[in-house]
Amino acid sequence: MQAWRVYENGEPDAVMRREEVETPVPGEGQVLLKVRAANVNFPDALLCRGHYQVRPPLPFTPGVEVCAETEDGRRVIATAALPHGGFADYALADAAGLLPAPEALDDAEAAALHIGYQTGWFGLHRRAALKEGETLLVHAAAGGVGSAAVQLGKAAGATVIGVVGGPEKAAVARALGCDLVIDRRSEDVVAAVKAATGGRGADVIYDPVGGEAYQQSAKCVAFEGRIVVVGFASGTVPAPALNHALVKNYSVLGLHWGLYAVKDPASIGRCHETLTAYAAKGLIKPLVAERVPFAGAADAVRRVADGTTTGRLVVLPEGVHA
């Protein structure tokens, strides 16, 4: 079968190699999946660099999120069991983690549902307890992770403010349903949020960026607001000033969605049922900006790592067409 493999750590387009390999053999509790579509995630770039919290043995195939077909013909979504990831004709996954692919979504959309929307739902509801009528601020609102949070915030009845970088991404955020879009390149984010909320600030802030975005969040979070730390796409891990959190009465909440698979696996299934119902009603629909031919996988991972993309890039196996 065809697969992209990483033999040494480095930048994705430098270390990902396409080659012919043997089809992987499932281990205990695992299943073999025929990949129908593989979503590109920022962690795929971190895996290539050797910077992710999980370090699979070399060589490995990246691609942590797939829509695939089981040997008995079921269409499922799954997180791939590394080192046999989704940028290949076949991948492995834990049998217990398989979820039915929503009928309302095509293969590429389904491949982009699992991690981003689960992260968004747990972050907004389980961690931040977002309420109808509250104001939600989403950093990188036109990106893969941010776009999911925007849609989930609107589904929850929140007023959603999206922060983006550049006019093209601003247009995408508006199309997603943001009530207000702030271009951080040309506007003062803190001032714009304060102006939009009558000086109160945002009740919930969803931050997959870190760095300067977190500093802005701390300055425009409301009384008893909640900042949800989802990731550090900027490459800079902020150091929160806890004295500031104390005097302003706000919370800083961490979210590592993968822990729920270990600590509370049943919650993932319940969340998926909710997301499937949302998809059927048209409340959420993953923003697939590009369906990438298999030959372009390494370049797609690089572009996602560079932060130049909007929505999701989804890799299709050889012979599969959108």
Protein backbone atom coordinates (compact mmCIF):
# COMPACT_ATOMS: atom_id res chain seq x y z
CA MET A 1 0.00 0.00 0.00
CA GLN A 2 0.98 3.67 -0.29
CA ALA A 3 1.90 5.59 2.85
CA TRP A 4 3.69 8.74 3.95
CA ARG A 5 6.37 7.92 6.52
CA VAL A 6 8.66 9.92 8.80
CA TYR A 7 12.15 8.48 9.46
CA GLU A 8 13.62 11.47 11.29
CA ASN A 9 12.18 14.52 13.01
CA GLY A 10 12.04 17.85 11.22
CA GLU A 11 9.74 20.08 9.17
CA PRO A 12 6.88 18.08 7.57
CA ASP A 13 7.72 18.74 3.93
CA ALA A 14 11.36 17.82 4.59
CA VAL A 15 10.86 14.57 6.52
CA MET A 16 7.63 13.06 5.16
CA ARG A 17 8.38 10.43 2.48
CA ARG A 18 5.87 8.70 0.25
CA GLU A 19 6.59 5.01 -0.29
CA GLU A 20 5.21 1.55 -0.83
CA VAL A 21 4.90 -0.38 2.47
CA GLU A 22 3.28 -3.51 3.83
CA THR A 23 -0.30 -3.22 5.04
CA PRO A 24 -0.20 -2.98 8.85
CA VAL A 25 -1.39 -5.88 10.98
CA PRO A 26 -3.78 -5.02 13.82
CA GLY A 27 -2.58 -5.67 17.36
CA GLU A 28 -4.77 -6.76 20.24
CA GLY A 29 -7.91 -4.63 20.40
CA GLN A 30 -7.12 -2.92 17.10
CA VAL A 31 -8.83 -2.95 13.70
CA LEU A 32 -7.59 -2.38 10.16
CA LEU A 33 -9.26 0.56 8.43
CA LYS A 34 -9.40 1.43 4.74
CA VAL A 35 -8.88 5.19 4.72
CA ARG A 36 -11.50 7.23 2.88
CA ALA A 37 -10.22 10.65 4.01
CA ALA A 38 -7.60 11.89 6.52
CA ASN A 39 -7.87 15.34 8.11
CA VAL A 40 -4.69 17.37 8.60
CA ASN A 41 -4.24 18.55 12.19
CA PHE A 42 -1.63 20.83 13.75
CA PRO A 43 -0.46 17.87 15.91
CA ASP A 44 0.59 16.11 12.69
CA ALA A 45 3.22 18.81 12.22
CA LEU A 46 4.25 18.56 15.88
CA LEU A 47 4.62 14.78 15.47
CA CYS A 48 6.91 15.31 12.48
CA ARG A 49 9.01 17.75 14.50
CA GLY A 50 9.11 15.47 17.54
CA HIS A 51 7.42 18.16 19.63
CA TYR A 52 4.12 16.40 20.40
CA GLN A 53 3.31 14.89 23.81
CA VAL A 54 3.13 11.49 22.10
CA ARG A 55 6.28 10.33 20.32
CA PRO A 56 5.64 7.28 18.13
CA PRO A 57 8.61 5.11 17.21
CA LEU A 58 10.37 5.96 13.95
CA PRO A 59 9.46 5.41 11.21
CA PHE A 60 5.79 6.34 11.57
CA THR A 61 2.91 7.50 9.39
CA PRO A 62 1.26 10.76 10.57
CA GLY A 63 -2.44 11.48 10.16
CA VAL A 64 -4.24 11.32 13.48
CA GLU A 65 -7.83 11.68 12.29
CA VAL A 66 -9.67 9.66 9.62
CA CYS A 67 -12.95 8.75 8.07
CA ALA A 68 -12.55 5.13 7.05
CA GLU A 69 -14.21 1.83 6.24
CA THR A 70 -14.01 -1.25 8.42
CA GLU A 71 -13.44 -4.71 7.00
CA ASP A 72 -17.15 -5.44 7.44
CA GLY A 73 -18.10 -2.30 5.46
CA ARG A 74 -19.01 0.18 8.19
CA ARG A 75 -18.21 3.86 7.61
CA VAL A 76 -16.54 5.20 10.75
CA ILE A 77 -14.45 8.02 12.13
CA ALA A 78 -11.47 7.36 14.37
CA THR A 79 -8.20 8.61 15.74
CA ALA A 80 -5.50 6.48 14.16
CA ALA A 81 -3.28 4.28 16.32
CA LEU A 82 0.25 5.50 15.68
CA PRO A 83 2.69 4.60 14.22
CA HIS A 84 0.12 3.56 11.58
CA GLY A 85 -1.59 6.89 10.89
CA GLY A 86 -4.06 8.06 8.30
CA PHE A 87 -1.86 9.40 5.50
CA ALA A 88 -1.92 5.95 3.93
CA ASP A 89 -4.26 3.58 2.13
CA TYR A 90 -4.81 1.68 5.38
CA ALA A 91 -4.50 2.70 9.03
CA LEU A 92 -4.95 1.07 12.42
CA ALA A 93 -7.27 2.21 15.20
CA ASP A 94 -8.48 0.96 18.56
CA ALA A 95 -11.72 -0.93 18.07
CA ALA A 96 -13.23 0.62 21.19
CA GLY A 97 -12.71 4.13 19.82
CA LEU A 98 -14.58 3.75 16.52
CA LEU A 99 -17.58 6.03 16.04
CA PRO A 100 -20.18 5.93 13.24
CA ALA A 101 -19.60 8.60 10.60
CA PRO A 102 -22.59 10.99 10.51
CA GLU A 103 -24.76 10.42 7.44
CA ALA A 104 -25.18 14.18 7.03
CA LEU A 105 -21.45 14.62 6.30
CA ASP A 106 -19.38 13.40 3.35
CA ASP A 107 -16.08 11.58 3.92
CA ALA A 108 -13.89 14.70 4.05
CA GLU A 109 -16.28 16.52 6.39
CA ALA A 110 -16.57 13.47 8.63
CA ALA A 111 -12.77 13.17 8.80
CA ALA A 112 -12.65 16.76 10.07
CA LEU A 113 -15.35 16.34 12.72
CA HIS A 114 -13.90 14.26 15.48
CA ILE A 115 -10.99 16.02 17.20
CA GLY A 116 -11.85 19.65 16.44
CA TYR A 117 -15.51 19.49 17.35
CA GLN A 118 -15.02 17.20 20.34
CA THR A 119 -12.37 19.61 21.61
CA GLY A 120 -14.73 22.52 21.02
CA TRP A 121 -17.68 20.88 22.74
CA PHE A 122 -15.71 19.79 25.81
CA GLY A 123 -13.95 23.14 26.00
CA LEU A 124 -17.08 25.26 25.73
CA HIS A 125 -19.52 23.11 27.66
CA ARG A 126 -17.68 20.77 30.02
CA ARG A 127 -14.88 23.16 30.98
CA ALA A 128 -16.30 26.67 30.47
CA ALA A 129 -20.04 25.96 30.97
CA LEU A 130 -20.97 28.36 28.17
CA LYS A 131 -24.50 29.70 28.62
CA GLU A 132 -27.03 30.95 26.10
CA GLY A 133 -26.72 34.71 25.72
CA GLU A 134 -23.08 34.89 26.82
CA THR A 135 -20.33 36.37 24.65
CA LEU A 136 -17.77 33.92 23.27
CA LEU A 137 -14.48 35.14 21.83
CA VAL A 138 -12.68 32.70 19.50
CA HIS A 139 -9.06 33.26 18.48
CA ALA A 140 -8.04 32.00 15.00
CA ALA A 141 -11.74 31.82 14.19
CA ALA A 142 -11.21 30.93 10.52
CA GLY A 143 -8.87 28.02 11.26
CA GLY A 144 -9.78 24.36 11.69
CA VAL A 145 -10.06 24.42 15.49
CA GLY A 146 -11.50 27.93 15.70
CA SER A 147 -14.15 27.40 13.03
CA ALA A 148 -15.53 24.44 15.00
CA ALA A 149 -15.76 26.56 18.15
CA VAL A 150 -17.57 29.32 16.25
CA GLN A 151 -20.23 26.93 15.00
CA LEU A 152 -20.63 25.29 18.41
CA GLY A 153 -20.89 28.68 20.08
CA LYS A 154 -23.65 29.75 17.72
CA ALA A 155 -25.43 26.43 18.29
CA ALA A 156 -25.33 27.16 22.04
CA GLY A 157 -26.97 30.56 21.55
CA ALA A 158 -23.87 32.65 22.32
CA THR A 159 -22.86 35.92 20.70
CA VAL A 160 -19.62 35.00 18.93
CA ILE A 161 -16.68 37.33 18.31
CA GLY A 162 -14.03 35.93 15.97
CA VAL A 163 -10.43 37.11 15.90
CA VAL A 164 -8.54 36.48 12.64
CA GLY A 165 -5.42 37.58 10.78
CA GLY A 166 -6.18 39.28 7.45
CA PRO A 167 -9.21 40.17 5.29
CA GLU A 168 -9.46 36.75 3.62
CA LYS A 169 -9.81 35.02 6.97
CA ALA A 170 -12.20 37.74 8.14
CA ALA A 171 -14.53 36.90 5.25
CA VAL A 172 -14.42 33.21 6.20
CA ALA A 173 -15.24 34.00 9.84
CA ARG A 174 -18.22 36.12 8.81
CA ALA A 175 -19.51 33.32 6.60
CA LEU A 176 -19.21 30.93 9.55
CA GLY A 177 -21.67 33.08 11.49
CA CYS A 178 -19.51 35.30 13.72
CA ASP A 179 -21.52 38.24 15.04
CA LEU A 180 -18.39 40.38 15.03
CA VAL A 181 -15.03 39.78 13.33
CA ILE A 182 -11.83 41.50 14.49
CA ASP A 183 -8.77 41.55 12.23
CA ARG A 184 -5.84 41.48 14.66
CA ARG A 185 -3.53 42.81 11.96
CA SER A 186 -5.38 46.08 11.54
CA GLU A 187 -7.44 46.45 14.75
CA ASP A 188 -6.80 46.64 18.48
CA VAL A 189 -8.33 43.37 19.68
CA VAL A 190 -8.79 44.42 23.31
CA ALA A 191 -10.36 47.77 22.43
CA ALA A 192 -12.69 46.19 19.86
CA VAL A 193 -13.91 43.55 22.33
CA LYS A 194 -14.49 46.14 25.05
CA ALA A 195 -16.38 48.37 22.58
CA ALA A 196 -18.58 45.50 21.41
CA THR A 197 -19.46 44.44 24.96
CA GLY A 198 -20.00 47.84 26.53
CA GLY A 199 -16.73 47.55 28.41
CA ARG A 200 -17.67 44.25 30.05
CA GLY A 201 -15.48 41.88 28.02
CA ALA A 202 -16.03 38.32 26.80
CA ASP A 203 -17.54 35.71 29.11
CA VAL A 204 -15.71 32.78 27.49
CA ILE A 205 -12.51 32.97 25.45
CA TYR A 206 -11.39 30.00 23.35
CA ASP A 207 -7.66 30.11 22.68
CA PRO A 208 -5.84 27.59 20.46
CA VAL A 209 -3.07 30.14 19.77
CA GLY A 210 -1.31 31.17 22.99
CA GLY A 211 1.39 33.84 22.92
CA GLU A 212 0.05 37.33 22.28
CA ALA A 213 -3.50 36.00 21.89
CA TYR A 214 -3.49 34.88 25.52
CA GLN A 215 -2.23 38.29 26.67
CA GLN A 216 -5.12 39.92 24.79
CA SER A 217 -7.54 37.46 26.37
CA ALA A 218 -6.47 38.36 29.90
CA LYS A 219 -7.09 42.04 29.12
CA CYS A 220 -10.60 41.60 27.70
CA VAL A 221 -12.10 38.75 29.74
CA ALA A 222 -15.24 39.62 31.69
CA PHE A 223 -15.84 39.44 35.44
CA GLU A 224 -16.13 35.71 36.25
CA GLY A 225 -15.09 34.97 32.67
CA ARG A 226 -13.34 31.78 31.56
CA ILE A 227 -10.29 31.50 29.30
CA VAL A 228 -10.05 28.02 27.76
CA VAL A 229 -6.47 27.12 26.80
CA VAL A 230 -6.65 24.66 23.90
CA GLY A 231 -3.20 24.87 22.30
CA PHE A 232 -0.25 26.99 21.31
CA ALA A 233 -0.31 27.34 17.53
CA SER A 234 1.76 30.53 17.86
CA GLY A 235 4.62 28.43 19.22
CA THR A 236 4.72 30.47 22.43
CA VAL A 237 3.40 29.05 25.71
CA PRO A 238 2.20 31.98 27.85
CA ALA A 239 2.89 32.32 31.57
CA PRO A 240 -0.41 33.48 33.15
CA ALA A 241 -0.16 36.13 35.87
CA LEU A 242 -2.22 34.52 38.60
CA ASN A 243 -2.38 37.75 40.60
CA HIS A 244 -4.19 39.24 37.59
CA ALA A 245 -6.67 36.35 37.53
CA LEU A 246 -7.25 36.93 41.24
CA VAL A 247 -7.97 40.64 41.08
CA LYS A 248 -10.20 40.33 37.99
CA ASN A 249 -12.06 37.18 39.12
CA TYR A 250 -11.57 35.06 36.00
CA SER A 251 -10.62 31.44 35.45
CA VAL A 252 -7.93 29.90 33.25
CA LEU A 253 -9.01 26.42 32.16
CA GLY A 254 -6.83 23.84 30.46
CA LEU A 255 -8.27 21.39 27.97
CA HIS A 256 -6.49 18.23 26.82
CA TRP A 257 -9.30 16.40 25.04
CA GLY A 258 -7.31 13.18 24.66
CA LEU A 259 -7.43 12.62 28.42
CA TYR A 260 -11.17 11.96 28.25
CA ALA A 261 -10.46 8.73 26.34
CA VAL A 262 -8.57 7.55 29.42
CA LYS A 263 -10.45 9.20 32.29
CA ASP A 264 -14.04 9.20 30.98
CA PRO A 265 -14.34 7.35 27.67
CA ALA A 266 -18.14 7.19 27.78
CA SER A 267 -18.27 10.99 27.57
CA ILE A 268 -16.73 10.89 24.09
CA GLY A 269 -19.55 8.69 22.80
CA ARG A 270 -22.17 10.96 24.34
CA CYS A 271 -20.52 14.00 22.77
CA HIS A 272 -20.45 12.27 19.38
CA GLU A 273 -24.19 11.62 19.61
CA THR A 274 -24.71 15.35 20.23
CA LEU A 275 -22.44 16.33 17.33
CA THR A 276 -24.18 13.86 15.00
CA ALA A 277 -27.54 15.39 15.90
CA TYR A 278 -26.13 18.89 15.33
CA ALA A 279 -24.85 17.83 11.90
CA ALA A 280 -28.22 16.36 10.96
CA LYS A 281 -29.89 19.68 11.86
CA GLY A 282 -27.30 21.69 9.93
CA LEU A 283 -26.01 23.43 13.06
CA ILE A 284 -22.44 22.31 12.37
CA LYS A 285 -20.60 21.43 9.18
CA PRO A 286 -16.81 21.16 9.10
CA LEU A 287 -15.31 23.83 6.87
CA VAL A 288 -13.27 21.79 4.39
CA ALA A 289 -11.32 24.39 2.48
CA GLU A 290 -9.41 21.91 0.34
CA ARG A 291 -9.57 18.23 -0.55
CA VAL A 292 -5.90 17.42 -1.11
CA PRO A 293 -4.69 14.67 -3.47
CA PHE A 294 -2.57 12.05 -1.71
CA ALA A 295 0.59 13.35 -3.39
CA GLY A 296 0.13 16.71 -1.66
CA ALA A 297 -0.04 15.42 1.93
CA ALA A 298 3.38 16.67 3.08
CA ASP A 299 2.78 20.13 1.63
CA ALA A 300 -0.66 20.24 3.30
CA VAL A 301 0.84 19.48 6.72
CA ARG A 302 3.42 22.22 6.20
CA ARG A 303 0.77 24.77 5.25
CA VAL A 304 -1.34 23.97 8.30
CA ALA A 305 1.80 24.29 10.46
CA ASP A 306 2.54 27.68 8.88
CA GLY A 307 -0.93 29.00 9.78
CA THR A 308 -1.66 30.09 6.22
CA THR A 309 -4.79 27.97 5.76
CA THR A 310 -8.45 28.49 6.55
CA GLY A 311 -10.78 25.71 7.67
CA ARG A 312 -9.57 22.16 7.14
CA LEU A 313 -7.31 20.48 4.60
CA VAL A 314 -8.27 16.84 4.08
CA VAL A 315 -6.04 14.31 2.32
CA LEU A 316 -7.70 11.77 0.03
CA PRO A 317 -6.02 8.39 -0.67
CA GLU A 318 -4.81 7.58 -4.18
CA GLY A 319 -7.77 6.87 -6.44
CA VAL A 320 -10.29 8.63 -4.17
CA HIS A 321 -11.80 11.80 -5.60
CA ALA A 322 -13.92 14.46 -3.89
